Structure formats: structure tokens, C-alpha cells
C-alpha atoms as a PDB file:
ATOM      1  CA  UNK A   1      91.379 276.440 188.105  1.00  0.00           C
ATOM      2  CA  UNK A   2      93.850 275.263 185.478  1.00  0.00           C
ATOM      3  CA  UNK A   3      92.430 271.728 185.582  1.00  0.00           C
ATOM      4  CA  UNK A   4      89.051 273.141 184.591  1.00  0.00           C
ATOM      5  CA  UNK A   5      90.476 274.897 181.528  1.00  0.00           C
ATOM      6  CA  UNK A   6      92.558 271.864 180.592  1.00  0.00           C
ATOM      7  CA  UNK A   7      89.452 269.697 180.724  1.00  0.00           C
ATOM      8  CA  UNK A   8      87.480 272.284 178.733  1.00  0.00           C
ATOM      9  CA  UNK A   9      90.227 272.418 176.103  1.00  0.00           C
ATOM     10  CA  UNK A  10      90.342 268.613 175.920  1.00  0.00           C
ATOM     11  CA  UNK A  11      86.554 268.445 175.408  1.00  0.00           C
ATOM     12  CA  UNK A  12      86.815 271.077 172.669  1.00  0.00           C
ATOM     13  CA  UNK A  13      89.622 269.145 170.955  1.00  0.00           C
ATOM     14  CA  UNK A  14      87.627 265.907 171.051  1.00  0.00           C
ATOM     15  CA  UNK A  15      84.582 267.703 169.627  1.00  0.00           C
ATOM     16  CA  UNK A  16      86.669 269.172 166.796  1.00  0.00           C
ATOM     17  CA  UNK A  17      88.184 265.751 166.077  1.00  0.00           C
ATOM     18  CA  UNK A  18      84.748 264.113 165.805  1.00  0.00           C
ATOM     19  CA  UNK A  19      83.452 266.986 163.661  1.00  0.00           C
ATOM     20  CA  UNK A  20      86.471 266.614 161.382  1.00  0.00           C
ATOM     21  CA  UNK A  21      85.959 262.862 161.051  1.00  0.00           C
ATOM     22  CA  UNK A  22      82.288 263.476 160.213  1.00  0.00           C
ATOM     23  CA  UNK A  23      83.226 265.993 157.512  1.00  0.00           C
ATOM     24  CA  UNK A  24      85.765 263.582 156.018  1.00  0.00           C
ATOM     25  CA  UNK A  25      83.228 260.722 155.912  1.00  0.00           C
ATOM     26  CA  UNK A  26      80.662 263.003 154.278  1.00  0.00           C
ATOM     27  CA  UNK A  27      83.115 264.229 151.652  1.00  0.00           C
ATOM     28  CA  UNK A  28      84.395 260.741 150.839  1.00  0.00           C
ATOM     29  CA  UNK A  29      80.913 259.214 150.715  1.00  0.00           C
ATOM     30  CA  UNK A  30      79.758 262.059 148.452  1.00  0.00           C
ATOM     31  CA  UNK A  31      82.728 261.451 146.175  1.00  0.00           C
ATOM     32  CA  UNK A  32      81.728 257.838 145.678  1.00  0.00           C
ATOM     33  CA  UNK A  33      78.008 258.670 145.435  1.00  0.00           C
ATOM     34  CA  UNK A  34      78.544 261.167 142.589  1.00  0.00           C
ATOM     35  CA  UNK A  35      77.999 259.357 139.292  1.00  0.00           C
ATOM     36  CA  UNK A  36      78.834 262.398 137.152  1.00  0.00           C
ATOM     37  CA  UNK A  37      82.399 262.669 138.466  1.00  0.00           C
ATOM     38  CA  UNK A  38      84.921 260.436 136.721  1.00  0.00           C
ATOM     39  CA  UNK A  39      87.236 257.988 138.402  1.00  0.00           C
ATOM     40  CA  UNK A  40      90.359 260.063 137.746  1.00  0.00           C
ATOM     41  CA  UNK A  41      88.795 263.139 139.354  1.00  0.00           C
ATOM     42  CA  UNK A  42      87.707 261.055 142.341  1.00  0.00           C
ATOM     43  CA  UNK A  43      91.254 259.745 142.723  1.00  0.00           C
ATOM     44  CA  UNK A  44      92.646 263.288 142.627  1.00  0.00           C
ATOM     45  CA  UNK A  45      90.203 264.419 145.329  1.00  0.00           C
ATOM     46  CA  UNK A  46      91.151 261.429 147.521  1.00  0.00           C
ATOM     47  CA  UNK A  47      94.893 262.092 147.109  1.00  0.00           C
ATOM     48  CA  UNK A  48      94.388 265.751 147.954  1.00  0.00           C
ATOM     49  CA  UNK A  49      92.308 264.766 150.994  1.00  0.00           C
ATOM     50  CA  UNK A  50      95.207 262.622 152.186  1.00  0.00           C
ATOM     51  CA  UNK A  51      97.994 265.170 151.669  1.00  0.00           C
ATOM     52  CA  UNK A  52      96.195 268.506 152.233  1.00  0.00           C
ATOM     53  CA  UNK A  53      93.128 267.448 154.225  1.00  0.00           C
ATOM     54  CA  UNK A  54      91.869 270.701 155.759  1.00  0.00           C
ATOM     55  CA  UNK A  55      92.187 272.867 152.668  1.00  0.00           C
ATOM     56  CA  UNK A  56      90.842 270.176 150.355  1.00  0.00           C
ATOM     57  CA  UNK A  57      87.786 269.513 152.523  1.00  0.00           C
ATOM     58  CA  UNK A  58      86.979 273.221 152.732  1.00  0.00           C
ATOM     59  CA  UNK A  59      87.388 273.666 148.964  1.00  0.00           C
ATOM     60  CA  UNK A  60      85.289 270.554 148.295  1.00  0.00           C
ATOM     61  CA  UNK A  61      82.442 271.711 150.521  1.00  0.00           C
ATOM     62  CA  UNK A  62      82.512 275.225 149.048  1.00  0.00           C
ATOM     63  CA  UNK A  63      82.743 274.054 145.435  1.00  0.00           C
ATOM     64  CA  UNK A  64      80.413 271.078 145.550  1.00  0.00           C
ATOM     65  CA  UNK A  65      78.237 271.749 148.601  1.00  0.00           C
ATOM     66  CA  UNK A  66      74.997 272.226 146.684  1.00  0.00           C
ATOM     67  CA  UNK A  67      75.571 268.992 144.775  1.00  0.00           C
ATOM     68  CA  UNK A  68      76.364 267.220 148.051  1.00  0.00           C
ATOM     69  CA  UNK A  69      73.005 268.273 149.437  1.00  0.00           C
ATOM     70  CA  UNK A  70      71.144 267.204 146.297  1.00  0.00           C
ATOM     71  CA  UNK A  71      72.836 263.787 146.212  1.00  0.00           C
ATOM     72  CA  UNK A  72      72.161 263.298 149.920  1.00  0.00           C
ATOM     73  CA  UNK A  73      68.468 264.127 149.512  1.00  0.00           C
ATOM     74  CA  UNK A  74      68.247 261.796 146.496  1.00  0.00           C
ATOM     75  CA  UNK A  75      69.942 258.979 148.428  1.00  0.00           C
ATOM     76  CA  UNK A  76      67.566 259.405 151.362  1.00  0.00           C
ATOM     77  CA  UNK A  77      64.552 259.492 149.048  1.00  0.00           C
ATOM     78  CA  UNK A  78      65.728 256.291 147.335  1.00  0.00           C
ATOM     79  CA  UNK A  79      66.244 254.599 150.705  1.00  0.00           C
ATOM     80  CA  UNK A  80      62.737 255.638 151.782  1.00  0.00           C
ATOM     81  CA  UNK A  81      61.231 254.304 148.550  1.00  0.00           C
ATOM     82  CA  UNK A  82      63.054 251.006 148.997  1.00  0.00           C
ATOM     83  CA  UNK A  83      61.937 250.728 152.624  1.00  0.00           C
ATOM     84  CA  UNK A  84      58.330 251.535 151.726  1.00  0.00           C
ATOM     85  CA  UNK A  85      58.347 248.967 148.919  1.00  0.00           C
ATOM     86  CA  UNK A  86      59.790 246.346 151.259  1.00  0.00           C
ATOM     87  CA  UNK A  87      57.180 247.110 153.923  1.00  0.00           C
ATOM     88  CA  UNK A  88      54.359 246.852 151.375  1.00  0.00           C
ATOM     89  CA  UNK A  89      55.792 243.530 150.152  1.00  0.00           C
ATOM     90  CA  UNK A  90      56.176 242.053 153.634  1.00  0.00           C
ATOM     91  CA  UNK A  91      53.009 243.527 155.140  1.00  0.00           C
ATOM     92  CA  UNK A  92      50.775 241.448 152.962  1.00  0.00           C
ATOM     93  CA  UNK A  93      48.184 242.016 150.364  1.00  0.00           C
ATOM     94  CA  UNK A  94      45.743 244.813 149.726  1.00  0.00           C
ATOM     95  CA  UNK A  95      42.354 244.971 151.478  1.00  0.00           C
ATOM     96  CA  UNK A  96      40.607 243.862 148.293  1.00  0.00           C
ATOM     97  CA  UNK A  97      42.701 240.703 148.013  1.00  0.00           C
ATOM     98  CA  UNK A  98      42.202 239.969 151.723  1.00  0.00           C
ATOM     99  CA  UNK A  99      38.440 240.215 151.275  1.00  0.00           C
ATOM    100  CA  UNK A 100      38.645 237.988 148.179  1.00  0.00           C
ATOM    101  CA  UNK A 101      40.603 235.371 150.136  1.00  0.00           C
ATOM    102  CA  UNK A 102      38.056 235.540 152.967  1.00  0.00           C
ATOM    103  CA  UNK A 103      35.233 235.130 150.432  1.00  0.00           C
ATOM    104  CA  UNK A 104      36.943 232.002 149.057  1.00  0.00           C
ATOM    105  CA  UNK A 105      37.178 230.621 152.581  1.00  0.00           C
ATOM    106  CA  UNK A 106      33.515 231.426 153.144  1.00  0.00           C
ATOM    107  CA  UNK A 107      32.498 229.758 149.870  1.00  0.00           C
ATOM    108  CA  UNK A 108      34.515 226.650 150.706  1.00  0.00           C
ATOM    109  CA  UNK A 109      32.856 226.439 154.131  1.00  0.00           C
ATOM    110  CA  UNK A 110      36.075 226.913 156.096  1.00  0.00           C
ATOM    111  CA  UNK A 111      34.689 229.955 157.927  1.00  0.00           C
ATOM    112  CA  UNK A 112      31.248 231.147 158.962  1.00  0.00           C
ATOM    113  CA  UNK A 113      29.423 234.274 157.844  1.00  0.00           C
ATOM    114  CA  UNK A 114      30.308 235.998 161.135  1.00  0.00           C
ATOM    115  CA  UNK A 115      34.027 235.206 160.703  1.00  0.00           C
ATOM    116  CA  UNK A 116      33.845 236.513 157.144  1.00  0.00           C
ATOM    117  CA  UNK A 117      32.291 239.747 158.383  1.00  0.00           C
ATOM    118  CA  UNK A 118      35.028 240.110 160.995  1.00  0.00           C
ATOM    119  CA  UNK A 119      37.784 239.492 158.398  1.00  0.00           C
ATOM    120  CA  UNK A 120      36.155 241.971 156.037  1.00  0.00           C
ATOM    121  CA  UNK A 121      35.920 244.627 158.764  1.00  0.00           C
ATOM    122  CA  UNK A 122      39.575 244.078 159.723  1.00  0.00           C
ATOM    123  CA  UNK A 123      40.662 244.381 156.071  1.00  0.00           C
ATOM    124  CA  UNK A 124      38.737 247.608 155.623  1.00  0.00           C
ATOM    125  CA  UNK A 125      40.001 249.140 158.877  1.00  0.00           C
END
């Protein structure tokens, strides 16, 4: 029976360790993400995180938690905008430009009227 509780305690300790590491990464990444906080203040927070980690992390989350959430949401929104812009850039042109290109091919005789209709239908789909 004692092996069961030892294993349970070990699992709990590992969970707490991973949770603590996650909190530390979130606090440190938020420190560097915050553009309103000066470099000296960031250095003080980092030093306090090194020497008094538990208390400093709790105080940081309590004092700056709302700002952490706002900066995180803004960072995710910016990443989504960048990804969407990249996808639009890589995906190709708009349906109107695809139809215009197909019309140029039709006018030059490179494709038939049926192929043009198929390209137009695909662009509009």
C-alpha cells in the first residue's frame, strides 16, 4: 500500500513541477512582451524571480494578471492576422483575377470555351 501512495505523491510532485515551469515561462514571456514596462523594471522582476521565485510569481500574476491576459490575446490575434495574410498571399489570386487570366488564355487561343467555363466555375466555387 505504501508503494501506491509513494507513486501518487511522485506523480503529484511531477505535475506541480510542470505547472511551476509553465507559470515561470508565462511570466517571463509576458515580461518581455510588455512594451510599456521599462528595461530596469523588467530586470528587477527577473532578479526577483531568480531569488524569490514563488512569492514573485504569485505577486506578478496578482498584480499584472489582467494585463497578461490582454497581451496574450493581442499576441494571438496578431499571429492569426499574420497567418491569414500569409495564406492569402500563398493561396493565389482572387476569383476575379483568376477569371481575367482565364479570359486572356481564351482570347489567345490557349484554351477552349469549355475549358474557360470550367476555370470560371472553379474560380467562383
